[in-house]
N, C-alpha and C. Protein backbone atom coordinates (compact mmCIF):
# COMPACT_ATOMS: atom_id res chain seq x y z
N MET A 1 -6.69 14.20 32.77
CA MET A 1 -5.72 13.26 31.93
C MET A 1 -5.60 13.86 30.70
N ASN A 2 -4.48 13.46 29.83
CA ASN A 2 -4.29 13.90 28.60
C ASN A 2 -5.13 13.11 27.55
N CYS A 3 -5.49 13.85 26.48
CA CYS A 3 -6.27 13.21 25.41
C CYS A 3 -5.55 12.09 24.74
N THR A 4 -6.08 11.02 24.57
CA THR A 4 -5.48 9.77 23.88
C THR A 4 -5.28 10.01 22.39
N LYS A 5 -6.12 11.08 21.91
CA LYS A 5 -6.14 11.21 20.42
C LYS A 5 -5.01 12.23 19.95
N CYS A 6 -4.94 13.51 20.84
CA CYS A 6 -3.93 14.47 20.47
C CYS A 6 -2.94 14.86 21.55
N ASN A 7 -3.11 14.17 22.65
CA ASN A 7 -2.20 14.30 23.78
C ASN A 7 -2.34 15.70 24.48
N ALA A 8 -3.48 16.38 24.07
CA ALA A 8 -3.67 17.67 24.92
C ALA A 8 -4.26 17.60 26.26
N SER A 9 -3.97 18.57 27.13
CA SER A 9 -4.18 18.37 28.51
C SER A 9 -5.61 18.99 28.81
N LYS A 10 -6.21 19.64 27.89
CA LYS A 10 -7.51 20.36 28.10
C LYS A 10 -8.67 19.40 27.94
N THR A 11 -8.78 18.50 28.97
CA THR A 11 -9.91 17.56 28.79
C THR A 11 -10.84 17.68 29.99
N ILE A 12 -12.12 17.20 29.93
CA ILE A 12 -13.06 17.32 30.99
C ILE A 12 -13.79 16.00 30.99
N ARG A 13 -14.35 15.53 32.19
CA ARG A 13 -15.21 14.42 32.42
C ARG A 13 -16.50 14.67 31.48
N LYS A 14 -16.85 13.51 31.01
CA LYS A 14 -18.19 13.67 30.15
C LYS A 14 -19.09 12.40 30.32
N GLY A 15 -19.50 12.19 31.41
CA GLY A 15 -20.43 11.07 31.70
C GLY A 15 -19.74 9.75 31.72
N ILE A 16 -20.71 8.77 31.89
CA ILE A 16 -20.20 7.49 32.11
C ILE A 16 -21.07 6.45 31.19
N ARG A 17 -20.29 5.61 30.36
CA ARG A 17 -20.95 4.63 29.39
C ARG A 17 -20.38 3.26 29.73
N ASN A 18 -21.28 2.21 29.80
CA ASN A 18 -20.84 0.87 30.29
C ASN A 18 -19.90 0.83 31.36
N ASN A 19 -20.22 1.64 32.45
CA ASN A 19 -19.38 1.73 33.56
C ASN A 19 -17.96 2.24 33.38
N LYS A 20 -17.86 2.92 32.28
CA LYS A 20 -16.46 3.55 32.01
C LYS A 20 -16.64 5.03 31.96
N GLN A 21 -15.69 5.74 32.62
CA GLN A 21 -15.71 7.21 32.57
C GLN A 21 -15.19 7.63 31.20
N ARG A 22 -16.06 8.46 30.74
CA ARG A 22 -15.74 9.14 29.37
C ARG A 22 -15.19 10.55 29.57
N PHE A 23 -14.35 10.92 28.61
CA PHE A 23 -13.61 12.25 28.69
C PHE A 23 -13.93 13.02 27.34
N TYR A 24 -13.86 14.44 27.44
CA TYR A 24 -14.01 15.13 26.11
C TYR A 24 -12.82 16.01 26.00
N CYS A 25 -12.17 16.18 24.85
CA CYS A 25 -10.99 16.92 24.63
C CYS A 25 -11.48 18.23 23.92
N LYS A 26 -11.19 19.35 24.57
CA LYS A 26 -11.51 20.72 24.01
C LYS A 26 -10.63 21.08 22.87
N GLU A 27 -9.51 20.43 22.64
CA GLU A 27 -8.62 20.79 21.60
C GLU A 27 -9.01 20.12 20.23
N CYS A 28 -9.18 18.66 20.31
CA CYS A 28 -9.51 18.12 19.13
C CYS A 28 -11.01 17.77 19.08
N GLN A 29 -11.75 18.08 20.14
CA GLN A 29 -13.19 17.91 20.27
C GLN A 29 -13.68 16.49 20.05
N LYS A 30 -12.95 15.51 20.63
CA LYS A 30 -13.29 14.13 20.51
C LYS A 30 -13.51 13.47 21.85
N TYR A 31 -14.31 12.60 21.89
CA TYR A 31 -14.57 11.83 23.29
C TYR A 31 -13.59 10.59 23.23
N PHE A 32 -13.24 10.13 24.43
CA PHE A 32 -12.36 9.07 24.70
C PHE A 32 -12.50 8.39 26.07
N GLN A 33 -11.90 7.29 26.23
CA GLN A 33 -11.86 6.67 27.45
C GLN A 33 -10.50 6.37 27.90
N ALA A 34 -10.21 6.22 29.16
CA ALA A 34 -9.00 5.82 29.66
C ALA A 34 -8.47 4.54 29.24
N ALA A 35 -9.54 3.64 29.05
CA ALA A 35 -9.23 2.27 28.75
C ALA A 35 -10.49 1.63 28.00
N TYR A 36 -10.19 0.76 27.18
CA TYR A 36 -11.27 0.06 26.34
C TYR A 36 -11.21 -1.42 26.34
N ASN A 37 -12.41 -1.92 26.36
CA ASN A 37 -12.49 -3.49 26.48
C ASN A 37 -12.19 -4.02 24.94
N TYR A 38 -12.57 -3.35 23.91
CA TYR A 38 -12.30 -3.92 22.73
C TYR A 38 -10.88 -3.40 22.17
N GLN A 39 -10.13 -4.45 21.87
CA GLN A 39 -8.73 -4.25 21.44
C GLN A 39 -8.52 -3.31 20.48
N ALA A 40 -9.43 -3.13 19.41
CA ALA A 40 -9.42 -2.16 18.22
C ALA A 40 -9.19 -0.65 18.60
N TYR A 41 -9.69 -0.44 19.98
CA TYR A 41 -9.50 1.03 20.33
C TYR A 41 -8.19 1.31 20.89
N SER A 42 -7.28 0.26 21.03
CA SER A 42 -6.01 0.72 21.49
C SER A 42 -5.21 1.64 20.47
N THR A 43 -4.54 2.40 21.01
CA THR A 43 -3.79 3.59 20.26
C THR A 43 -2.76 3.08 19.35
N ASP A 44 -2.16 1.83 19.51
CA ASP A 44 -1.14 1.33 18.78
C ASP A 44 -1.60 0.19 17.96
N VAL A 45 -2.92 -0.01 17.83
CA VAL A 45 -3.40 -1.07 16.97
C VAL A 45 -3.04 -0.86 15.56
N ASP A 46 -3.01 0.39 15.04
CA ASP A 46 -2.76 0.55 13.60
C ASP A 46 -1.29 0.21 13.21
N VAL A 47 -0.38 0.43 14.23
CA VAL A 47 0.99 0.11 13.98
C VAL A 47 1.10 -1.41 13.86
N PHE A 48 0.43 -2.06 14.74
CA PHE A 48 0.38 -3.59 14.73
C PHE A 48 -0.17 -4.08 13.26
N ILE A 49 -1.25 -3.39 12.84
CA ILE A 49 -2.00 -3.84 11.59
C ILE A 49 -0.94 -3.67 10.45
N VAL A 50 -0.19 -2.48 10.41
CA VAL A 50 0.69 -2.17 9.36
C VAL A 50 1.80 -3.22 9.34
N ASN A 51 2.39 -3.41 10.46
CA ASN A 51 3.49 -4.27 10.56
C ASN A 51 3.12 -5.90 10.25
N LEU A 52 2.06 -6.33 10.63
CA LEU A 52 1.53 -7.66 10.30
C LEU A 52 1.22 -7.77 8.74
N LEU A 53 0.62 -6.76 8.21
CA LEU A 53 0.27 -6.73 6.74
C LEU A 53 1.61 -6.93 5.95
N LYS A 54 2.68 -6.24 6.44
CA LYS A 54 3.96 -6.18 5.64
C LYS A 54 4.72 -7.48 5.86
N GLU A 55 4.40 -8.24 6.83
CA GLU A 55 5.03 -9.44 7.15
C GLU A 55 4.38 -10.66 6.69
N GLY A 56 3.44 -10.80 5.77
CA GLY A 56 2.91 -11.82 5.16
C GLY A 56 1.66 -12.40 5.86
N CYS A 57 1.01 -11.59 6.89
CA CYS A 57 -0.21 -11.94 7.46
C CYS A 57 -1.36 -11.58 6.54
N SER A 58 -2.26 -12.45 6.54
CA SER A 58 -3.69 -12.25 5.77
C SER A 58 -4.48 -11.30 6.70
N VAL A 59 -5.40 -10.85 6.10
CA VAL A 59 -6.49 -9.98 6.88
C VAL A 59 -7.10 -10.83 8.13
N ARG A 60 -7.42 -12.07 7.72
CA ARG A 60 -7.95 -12.86 8.79
C ARG A 60 -6.95 -13.33 9.80
N GLY A 61 -5.64 -13.44 9.35
CA GLY A 61 -4.57 -13.68 10.23
C GLY A 61 -4.38 -12.56 11.30
N VAL A 62 -4.43 -11.30 10.75
CA VAL A 62 -4.21 -10.10 11.59
C VAL A 62 -5.40 -10.02 12.52
N SER A 63 -6.72 -10.43 12.07
CA SER A 63 -7.89 -10.47 12.99
C SER A 63 -7.53 -11.28 14.08
N ARG A 64 -7.12 -12.60 13.73
CA ARG A 64 -6.84 -13.61 14.95
C ARG A 64 -5.77 -12.98 15.87
N VAL A 65 -4.79 -12.62 15.29
CA VAL A 65 -3.49 -12.20 16.20
C VAL A 65 -3.98 -11.01 17.24
N LEU A 66 -4.73 -9.98 16.56
CA LEU A 66 -4.92 -8.84 17.41
C LEU A 66 -6.34 -8.93 18.13
N LYS A 67 -7.08 -10.11 17.77
CA LYS A 67 -8.42 -10.30 18.38
C LYS A 67 -9.31 -9.24 18.06
N ILE A 68 -9.47 -8.76 16.91
CA ILE A 68 -10.44 -7.81 16.50
C ILE A 68 -11.11 -8.43 15.19
N SER A 69 -12.16 -7.67 14.85
CA SER A 69 -12.97 -8.19 13.67
C SER A 69 -12.22 -7.99 12.38
N LYS A 70 -12.39 -8.89 11.38
CA LYS A 70 -11.65 -8.72 10.07
C LYS A 70 -12.16 -7.53 9.40
N ASP A 71 -13.46 -7.14 9.55
CA ASP A 71 -14.08 -5.86 8.97
C ASP A 71 -13.41 -4.70 9.53
N THR A 72 -12.94 -4.73 10.83
CA THR A 72 -12.31 -3.74 11.48
C THR A 72 -10.86 -3.59 10.78
N VAL A 73 -10.25 -4.70 10.69
CA VAL A 73 -8.90 -4.62 9.97
C VAL A 73 -9.00 -4.02 8.58
N LEU A 74 -10.01 -4.40 7.76
CA LEU A 74 -10.13 -3.84 6.42
C LEU A 74 -10.40 -2.38 6.54
N SER A 75 -11.25 -2.03 7.38
CA SER A 75 -11.69 -0.57 7.57
C SER A 75 -10.27 0.28 8.02
N ARG A 76 -9.64 -0.23 8.83
CA ARG A 76 -8.41 0.34 9.26
C ARG A 76 -7.44 0.39 8.28
N MET A 77 -7.31 -0.58 7.48
CA MET A 77 -6.31 -0.67 6.36
C MET A 77 -6.69 0.39 5.37
N GLN A 78 -7.93 0.69 5.06
CA GLN A 78 -8.46 1.66 4.12
C GLN A 78 -7.98 3.11 4.72
N LYS A 79 -8.33 3.17 6.05
CA LYS A 79 -8.16 4.53 6.66
C LYS A 79 -6.68 4.87 6.60
N ILE A 80 -5.85 3.87 6.96
CA ILE A 80 -4.32 4.11 7.01
C ILE A 80 -4.00 4.52 5.62
N SER A 81 -4.34 3.79 4.63
CA SER A 81 -3.80 4.10 3.29
C SER A 81 -4.24 5.47 2.74
N LYS A 82 -5.36 5.88 3.22
CA LYS A 82 -5.86 7.27 2.77
C LYS A 82 -5.04 8.27 3.31
N GLN A 83 -4.30 8.00 4.44
CA GLN A 83 -3.48 9.01 5.24
C GLN A 83 -2.12 9.09 4.62
N ILE A 84 -1.88 8.17 3.69
CA ILE A 84 -0.45 8.04 3.09
C ILE A 84 -0.43 8.80 1.70
N LEU A 85 0.44 9.81 1.78
CA LEU A 85 0.55 10.60 0.52
C LEU A 85 1.55 9.98 -0.41
N LYS A 86 1.18 10.02 -1.66
CA LYS A 86 2.11 9.48 -2.74
C LYS A 86 3.29 10.19 -2.76
N PRO A 87 4.41 9.73 -2.73
CA PRO A 87 5.74 10.53 -2.63
C PRO A 87 5.91 11.37 -3.75
N SER A 88 6.40 12.61 -3.68
CA SER A 88 6.79 13.41 -4.77
C SER A 88 8.25 13.25 -5.24
N PHE A 89 8.47 12.60 -6.28
CA PHE A 89 9.79 12.26 -6.64
C PHE A 89 10.18 13.30 -7.70
N ARG A 90 11.17 14.14 -7.44
CA ARG A 90 11.56 15.20 -8.37
C ARG A 90 13.06 15.01 -8.76
N ARG A 91 13.71 13.90 -8.64
CA ARG A 91 15.14 13.83 -9.05
C ARG A 91 15.08 13.37 -10.57
N LEU A 92 15.84 14.28 -11.35
CA LEU A 92 15.98 14.11 -12.71
C LEU A 92 17.17 13.26 -13.19
N GLY A 93 16.99 12.65 -14.37
CA GLY A 93 18.09 11.95 -15.00
C GLY A 93 18.57 10.69 -14.30
N TYR A 94 17.65 9.95 -13.73
CA TYR A 94 17.97 8.60 -13.15
C TYR A 94 17.46 7.44 -13.97
N THR A 95 17.56 6.31 -13.55
CA THR A 95 17.34 5.03 -14.23
C THR A 95 16.18 4.40 -13.56
N TYR A 96 15.28 3.94 -14.31
CA TYR A 96 13.93 3.24 -13.86
C TYR A 96 13.88 1.91 -14.43
N GLU A 97 13.01 1.03 -13.62
CA GLU A 97 12.73 -0.32 -14.16
C GLU A 97 11.24 -0.33 -14.09
N ILE A 98 10.52 -0.86 -15.05
CA ILE A 98 9.03 -1.00 -15.04
C ILE A 98 8.86 -2.61 -15.18
N ASP A 99 7.86 -3.09 -14.48
CA ASP A 99 7.39 -4.44 -14.60
C ASP A 99 6.05 -4.69 -14.17
N GLU A 100 5.58 -5.98 -14.53
CA GLU A 100 4.16 -6.24 -14.30
C GLU A 100 4.19 -7.62 -13.48
N MET A 101 3.12 -7.74 -12.62
CA MET A 101 3.00 -9.03 -12.00
C MET A 101 1.48 -9.15 -11.90
N TRP A 102 0.98 -10.37 -11.75
CA TRP A 102 -0.45 -10.81 -11.89
C TRP A 102 -0.87 -11.16 -10.45
N SER A 103 -2.33 -10.94 -10.35
CA SER A 103 -2.96 -11.32 -9.04
C SER A 103 -4.38 -11.59 -9.48
N PHE A 104 -5.22 -11.80 -8.48
CA PHE A 104 -6.71 -12.07 -8.73
C PHE A 104 -7.58 -11.13 -8.00
N ILE A 105 -8.73 -10.75 -8.46
CA ILE A 105 -9.58 -10.06 -7.81
C ILE A 105 -11.00 -10.68 -7.77
N GLY A 106 -11.58 -10.95 -6.79
CA GLY A 106 -12.82 -11.64 -6.61
C GLY A 106 -12.81 -13.16 -6.71
N ASN A 107 -12.27 -13.55 -7.81
CA ASN A 107 -12.16 -15.04 -7.92
C ASN A 107 -10.93 -15.36 -8.89
N LYS A 108 -10.65 -16.49 -8.91
CA LYS A 108 -9.31 -16.86 -9.71
C LYS A 108 -9.54 -16.90 -11.16
N LYS A 109 -10.65 -16.58 -11.65
CA LYS A 109 -10.91 -16.46 -13.18
C LYS A 109 -10.63 -14.88 -13.46
N ASN A 110 -10.64 -14.06 -12.48
CA ASN A 110 -10.48 -12.59 -12.82
C ASN A 110 -9.06 -12.15 -12.57
N VAL A 111 -8.21 -12.11 -13.52
CA VAL A 111 -6.90 -11.89 -13.44
C VAL A 111 -6.65 -10.31 -13.47
N LEU A 112 -5.87 -9.72 -12.54
CA LEU A 112 -5.51 -8.29 -12.52
C LEU A 112 -4.14 -8.16 -12.51
N TRP A 113 -3.61 -7.17 -13.35
CA TRP A 113 -2.11 -6.98 -13.48
C TRP A 113 -1.80 -5.63 -12.60
N ILE A 114 -0.66 -5.77 -11.78
CA ILE A 114 -0.04 -4.74 -11.15
C ILE A 114 1.05 -4.23 -11.88
N THR A 115 1.21 -3.19 -12.38
CA THR A 115 2.30 -2.54 -13.06
C THR A 115 2.84 -1.42 -12.31
N TYR A 116 4.26 -1.43 -12.01
CA TYR A 116 4.84 -0.35 -11.16
C TYR A 116 6.24 0.05 -11.62
N VAL A 117 6.64 1.19 -11.05
CA VAL A 117 7.79 1.86 -11.53
C VAL A 117 8.93 1.81 -10.39
N LEU A 118 10.14 1.33 -10.56
CA LEU A 118 11.06 1.34 -9.52
C LEU A 118 12.14 2.22 -9.88
N GLU A 119 12.70 3.16 -9.02
CA GLU A 119 13.96 3.83 -9.27
C GLU A 119 15.13 3.05 -8.87
N LYS A 120 16.10 2.72 -9.84
CA LYS A 120 17.10 1.58 -9.91
C LYS A 120 18.08 1.89 -8.58
N GLU A 121 18.54 3.27 -8.48
CA GLU A 121 19.65 3.42 -7.55
C GLU A 121 19.11 3.30 -6.04
N THR A 122 17.88 3.76 -5.71
CA THR A 122 17.38 3.81 -4.31
C THR A 122 16.37 2.78 -4.11
N GLY A 123 15.74 2.21 -5.13
CA GLY A 123 14.67 1.02 -4.97
C GLY A 123 13.45 1.64 -4.56
N SER A 124 13.26 3.08 -4.66
CA SER A 124 12.03 3.69 -4.48
C SER A 124 10.92 3.45 -5.46
N ILE A 125 9.76 3.22 -5.05
CA ILE A 125 8.64 2.99 -5.85
C ILE A 125 8.00 4.31 -6.24
N ILE A 126 7.87 4.72 -7.66
CA ILE A 126 7.52 5.98 -8.03
C ILE A 126 6.05 5.99 -8.05
N ASP A 127 5.43 4.98 -8.65
CA ASP A 127 3.93 4.79 -8.76
C ASP A 127 3.59 3.52 -9.27
N PHE A 128 2.34 3.10 -9.17
CA PHE A 128 1.77 1.72 -9.63
C PHE A 128 0.59 1.97 -10.37
N HIS A 129 0.13 1.03 -11.02
CA HIS A 129 -1.17 1.00 -11.61
C HIS A 129 -1.90 -0.43 -11.56
N LEU A 130 -3.11 -0.47 -11.27
CA LEU A 130 -3.77 -1.75 -11.14
C LEU A 130 -4.87 -1.87 -12.38
N GLY A 131 -4.74 -2.89 -13.16
CA GLY A 131 -5.75 -3.13 -14.24
C GLY A 131 -5.17 -3.78 -15.34
N ARG A 132 -5.73 -3.57 -16.56
CA ARG A 132 -5.26 -4.25 -17.68
C ARG A 132 -3.94 -3.71 -18.22
N LYS A 133 -3.39 -4.46 -19.14
CA LYS A 133 -1.99 -4.00 -19.78
C LYS A 133 -2.32 -3.56 -21.16
N THR A 134 -2.66 -2.30 -21.25
CA THR A 134 -2.97 -1.75 -22.58
C THR A 134 -2.32 -0.31 -22.64
N LYS A 135 -2.13 0.18 -23.87
CA LYS A 135 -1.47 1.50 -24.06
C LYS A 135 -2.35 2.61 -23.33
N GLU A 136 -3.61 2.49 -23.35
CA GLU A 136 -4.34 3.55 -22.77
C GLU A 136 -4.23 3.56 -21.24
N THR A 137 -4.19 2.35 -20.54
CA THR A 137 -4.04 2.33 -19.08
C THR A 137 -2.68 2.50 -18.62
N LEU A 138 -1.81 2.12 -19.36
CA LEU A 138 -0.40 2.30 -18.88
C LEU A 138 0.20 3.63 -19.32
N ARG A 139 -0.41 4.51 -20.24
CA ARG A 139 0.28 5.73 -20.70
C ARG A 139 0.43 6.73 -19.47
N PRO A 140 -0.60 6.99 -18.66
CA PRO A 140 -0.30 7.87 -17.59
C PRO A 140 0.88 7.44 -16.70
N LEU A 141 0.94 6.26 -16.36
CA LEU A 141 2.09 5.72 -15.52
C LEU A 141 3.45 6.15 -16.24
N ILE A 142 3.65 5.87 -17.64
CA ILE A 142 4.69 6.01 -18.28
C ILE A 142 5.00 7.51 -18.54
N ASP A 143 4.01 8.17 -18.73
CA ASP A 143 4.17 9.66 -18.82
C ASP A 143 4.65 10.35 -17.56
N LYS A 144 4.30 9.78 -16.42
CA LYS A 144 4.81 10.33 -15.13
C LYS A 144 6.27 10.19 -15.08
N VAL A 145 6.65 9.00 -15.52
CA VAL A 145 8.32 8.70 -15.52
C VAL A 145 9.03 9.54 -16.50
N LEU A 146 8.37 9.69 -17.65
CA LEU A 146 9.00 10.57 -18.65
C LEU A 146 9.31 12.00 -18.33
N LEU A 147 8.36 12.53 -17.41
CA LEU A 147 8.46 13.79 -16.77
C LEU A 147 9.62 14.01 -15.97
N LEU A 148 10.26 12.86 -15.52
CA LEU A 148 11.41 12.92 -14.65
C LEU A 148 12.74 13.01 -15.52
N ASN A 149 12.56 13.14 -16.80
CA ASN A 149 13.79 13.03 -17.68
C ASN A 149 14.62 11.88 -17.53
N PRO A 150 14.18 10.67 -17.58
CA PRO A 150 15.02 9.50 -17.21
C PRO A 150 16.19 9.31 -18.17
N ARG A 151 17.25 8.83 -17.68
CA ARG A 151 18.47 8.57 -18.34
C ARG A 151 18.19 7.17 -19.21
N ARG A 152 17.56 6.29 -18.40
CA ARG A 152 17.44 4.89 -19.02
C ARG A 152 15.99 4.39 -18.47
N ILE A 153 15.21 3.72 -19.27
CA ILE A 153 13.95 3.06 -18.70
C ILE A 153 14.24 1.53 -19.21
N TYR A 154 14.27 0.64 -18.08
CA TYR A 154 14.34 -0.73 -18.39
C TYR A 154 13.08 -1.54 -18.37
N THR A 155 12.63 -2.29 -19.23
CA THR A 155 11.41 -3.00 -19.24
C THR A 155 11.63 -4.54 -19.83
N ASP A 156 10.62 -5.41 -19.54
CA ASP A 156 10.65 -6.63 -20.26
C ASP A 156 10.29 -6.47 -21.60
N ARG A 157 9.91 -7.52 -22.23
CA ARG A 157 9.62 -7.55 -23.92
C ARG A 157 8.18 -7.51 -24.13
N LEU A 158 7.33 -6.92 -23.21
CA LEU A 158 6.00 -6.58 -23.52
C LEU A 158 5.88 -5.58 -24.69
N ASN A 159 5.04 -5.97 -25.66
CA ASN A 159 5.15 -5.25 -26.96
C ASN A 159 4.46 -3.92 -26.94
N ILE A 160 3.98 -3.53 -25.87
CA ILE A 160 3.27 -2.13 -25.94
C ILE A 160 4.34 -1.04 -25.46
N TYR A 161 5.43 -1.42 -24.91
CA TYR A 161 6.29 -0.49 -24.28
C TYR A 161 6.98 0.45 -25.30
N PRO A 162 7.43 -0.24 -26.46
CA PRO A 162 8.19 0.64 -27.41
C PRO A 162 7.36 1.71 -28.01
N SER A 163 6.04 1.61 -28.03
CA SER A 163 5.16 2.65 -28.49
C SER A 163 4.93 3.74 -27.46
N LEU A 164 5.29 3.56 -26.14
CA LEU A 164 5.06 4.58 -25.17
C LEU A 164 6.42 5.25 -24.65
N ILE A 165 7.52 4.48 -24.92
CA ILE A 165 8.84 5.03 -24.34
C ILE A 165 9.64 5.32 -25.57
N PRO A 166 10.43 6.60 -25.59
CA PRO A 166 11.32 6.93 -26.78
C PRO A 166 12.46 5.83 -26.81
N LYS A 167 12.63 5.51 -27.96
CA LYS A 167 13.72 4.53 -28.37
C LYS A 167 14.99 4.85 -27.64
N GLU A 168 15.48 6.14 -27.64
CA GLU A 168 16.75 6.61 -27.15
C GLU A 168 17.07 6.08 -25.70
N ILE A 169 16.01 6.00 -24.92
CA ILE A 169 16.19 5.72 -23.58
C ILE A 169 15.55 4.38 -23.10
N HIS A 170 14.88 3.67 -24.05
CA HIS A 170 14.33 2.41 -23.68
C HIS A 170 15.29 1.30 -24.01
N LYS A 171 15.52 0.40 -22.92
CA LYS A 171 16.31 -0.72 -23.09
C LYS A 171 15.59 -1.93 -22.70
N ARG A 172 15.79 -2.99 -23.50
CA ARG A 172 15.22 -4.39 -23.22
C ARG A 172 16.30 -5.48 -23.54
N PHE A 173 16.90 -6.05 -22.43
CA PHE A 173 17.77 -7.20 -22.60
C PHE A 173 17.68 -8.04 -21.29
N GLN A 174 18.34 -9.12 -21.49
CA GLN A 174 18.37 -10.14 -20.39
C GLN A 174 18.99 -9.46 -19.03
N TYR A 175 18.29 -9.67 -17.99
CA TYR A 175 18.81 -9.32 -16.71
C TYR A 175 18.66 -7.84 -16.35
N CYS A 176 18.23 -7.07 -17.30
CA CYS A 176 17.90 -5.63 -17.07
C CYS A 176 17.03 -5.08 -16.13
N THR A 177 16.13 -6.20 -15.79
CA THR A 177 15.16 -5.72 -14.76
C THR A 177 15.31 -6.46 -13.47
N ASN A 178 16.44 -6.88 -13.15
CA ASN A 178 16.87 -7.89 -12.02
C ASN A 178 16.23 -7.30 -10.75
N LYS A 179 16.41 -5.87 -10.49
CA LYS A 179 16.05 -5.26 -9.30
C LYS A 179 14.54 -5.37 -9.07
N ILE A 180 13.86 -5.04 -10.10
CA ILE A 180 12.27 -5.06 -9.84
C ILE A 180 11.73 -6.46 -9.97
N GLU A 181 12.50 -7.49 -10.61
CA GLU A 181 12.14 -8.70 -10.45
C GLU A 181 12.19 -9.32 -9.01
N ARG A 182 13.17 -8.89 -8.37
CA ARG A 182 13.61 -9.22 -6.97
C ARG A 182 12.51 -8.62 -6.07
N MET A 183 11.96 -7.42 -6.41
CA MET A 183 10.88 -6.74 -5.73
C MET A 183 9.55 -7.58 -5.85
N ASN A 184 9.45 -8.08 -7.05
CA ASN A 184 8.28 -8.99 -7.26
C ASN A 184 8.16 -10.14 -6.27
N LEU A 185 9.40 -10.81 -6.05
CA LEU A 185 9.51 -11.83 -5.04
C LEU A 185 9.13 -11.35 -3.65
N ASN A 186 9.71 -10.14 -3.31
CA ASN A 186 9.43 -9.73 -1.95
C ASN A 186 7.88 -9.45 -1.77
N LEU A 187 7.32 -8.90 -2.88
CA LEU A 187 5.77 -8.66 -2.79
C LEU A 187 5.05 -9.99 -2.65
N ARG A 188 5.39 -10.96 -3.26
CA ARG A 188 4.71 -12.37 -3.19
C ARG A 188 4.99 -12.98 -1.83
N THR A 189 6.19 -12.60 -1.23
CA THR A 189 6.54 -13.19 0.10
C THR A 189 5.92 -12.46 1.20
N HIS A 190 5.93 -11.00 1.07
CA HIS A 190 5.45 -10.25 2.24
C HIS A 190 4.12 -9.99 2.09
N ILE A 191 3.36 -10.04 1.12
CA ILE A 191 1.94 -9.78 1.04
C ILE A 191 1.14 -10.98 0.66
N LYS A 192 0.42 -11.52 1.74
CA LYS A 192 -0.27 -12.81 1.63
C LYS A 192 -1.26 -12.90 0.37
N ARG A 193 -1.83 -11.79 0.04
CA ARG A 193 -2.80 -11.79 -1.08
C ARG A 193 -2.12 -12.00 -2.46
N LEU A 194 -0.84 -11.90 -2.44
CA LEU A 194 -0.16 -11.84 -3.69
C LEU A 194 0.59 -13.13 -3.85
N SER A 195 0.49 -14.17 -2.98
CA SER A 195 1.28 -15.41 -3.01
C SER A 195 0.72 -16.13 -4.21
N ARG A 196 1.61 -16.91 -4.81
CA ARG A 196 1.16 -17.56 -6.02
C ARG A 196 0.16 -18.76 -5.69
N LYS A 197 0.24 -19.45 -4.69
CA LYS A 197 -0.67 -20.48 -4.44
C LYS A 197 -1.33 -20.07 -3.08
N THR A 198 -2.29 -19.41 -3.07
CA THR A 198 -3.12 -19.04 -1.88
C THR A 198 -4.56 -18.89 -2.11
N ILE A 199 -5.39 -18.87 -1.08
CA ILE A 199 -6.85 -18.66 -1.11
C ILE A 199 -7.04 -17.15 -0.59
N CYS A 200 -5.90 -16.44 -0.33
CA CYS A 200 -6.16 -15.11 0.26
C CYS A 200 -6.00 -13.96 -0.76
N PHE A 201 -6.53 -14.28 -2.10
CA PHE A 201 -6.53 -13.06 -2.93
C PHE A 201 -7.55 -12.11 -2.65
N SER A 202 -7.32 -10.87 -3.15
CA SER A 202 -8.24 -9.73 -2.85
C SER A 202 -9.71 -9.92 -3.33
N ARG A 203 -10.59 -9.61 -2.51
CA ARG A 203 -11.91 -9.64 -3.08
C ARG A 203 -12.49 -8.38 -3.60
N ASN A 204 -11.68 -7.31 -3.41
CA ASN A 204 -12.01 -5.97 -3.84
C ASN A 204 -10.65 -5.30 -4.09
N GLN A 205 -10.67 -4.62 -5.25
CA GLN A 205 -9.52 -3.90 -5.82
C GLN A 205 -9.11 -2.84 -4.98
N LYS A 206 -9.97 -2.16 -4.14
CA LYS A 206 -9.55 -1.03 -3.34
C LYS A 206 -8.72 -1.52 -2.11
N ASN A 207 -9.01 -2.97 -1.81
CA ASN A 207 -8.18 -3.42 -0.69
C ASN A 207 -6.88 -3.71 -1.05
N LEU A 208 -6.59 -4.22 -2.26
CA LEU A 208 -5.29 -4.47 -2.83
C LEU A 208 -4.58 -3.24 -3.01
N GLU A 209 -5.19 -2.10 -3.41
CA GLU A 209 -4.60 -0.84 -3.69
C GLU A 209 -4.03 -0.29 -2.37
N ALA A 210 -5.00 -0.38 -1.23
CA ALA A 210 -4.66 0.16 0.06
C ALA A 210 -3.33 -0.70 0.59
N HIS A 211 -3.53 -2.03 0.51
CA HIS A 211 -2.19 -2.81 0.89
C HIS A 211 -1.00 -2.41 0.21
N LEU A 212 -0.99 -2.20 -0.99
CA LEU A 212 0.20 -1.84 -1.81
C LEU A 212 0.72 -0.48 -1.39
N LYS A 213 -0.23 0.35 -1.20
CA LYS A 213 0.27 1.81 -0.56
C LYS A 213 0.99 1.70 0.75
N ILE A 214 0.37 0.86 1.60
CA ILE A 214 0.98 0.63 2.91
C ILE A 214 2.35 0.07 2.69
N TYR A 215 2.42 -0.97 1.83
CA TYR A 215 3.77 -1.71 1.73
C TYR A 215 4.85 -0.77 1.01
N PHE A 216 4.49 0.03 0.04
CA PHE A 216 5.33 0.72 -0.63
C PHE A 216 5.72 1.96 0.06
N TRP A 217 4.80 2.67 0.73
CA TRP A 217 5.06 3.90 1.17
C TRP A 217 4.91 4.29 2.62
N ASP A 218 4.39 3.45 3.54
CA ASP A 218 4.33 3.67 4.81
C ASP A 218 5.56 3.26 5.62
N LYS A 219 6.23 4.22 6.09
CA LYS A 219 7.50 4.10 6.70
C LYS A 219 7.33 4.24 8.29
């Protein structure tokens, strides 16, 4: 039979475990079974996890729907996010919007800010930052946008942006960040841990970062 990991045909029988025939793939050098009792071993479980996370399911909700452990959901989410490469955006002379939204980490006394950059024409997310809103923490994000030779950068009236963005391209006025404000609403609707009134906030910043990478860049 073909390998369930890489679909190669060079496989051999390799003993029996729990009354199940095991196989070994000579190509990818991994062991596998033709069928598994535990649902997490299904080859399409990662696809289901990604789709459910994007559609407003919490980690525990995904666990209940797929009948797998919540720890397995978290570990798979981390694994999937590590396989996602940050997109290389090389288009010069375009318009960008930058905005922030708040969430919690660990408990509702610990507020964390998500700052991200949206390309206005395509809606692509260039990059994001998790943490405090200071010049030092936001400078790398702003510098990355400035390398793209932007025509305009629209922001809200946060007082640290004028010191980071050249005056000639920086614009702040009512409705200038409509598109990214709409994305904020999408995020709070589609990601359970970002809902305004919820008990599903992130216990760990790495989990929030992984979830955002999946939402922004997993296609």
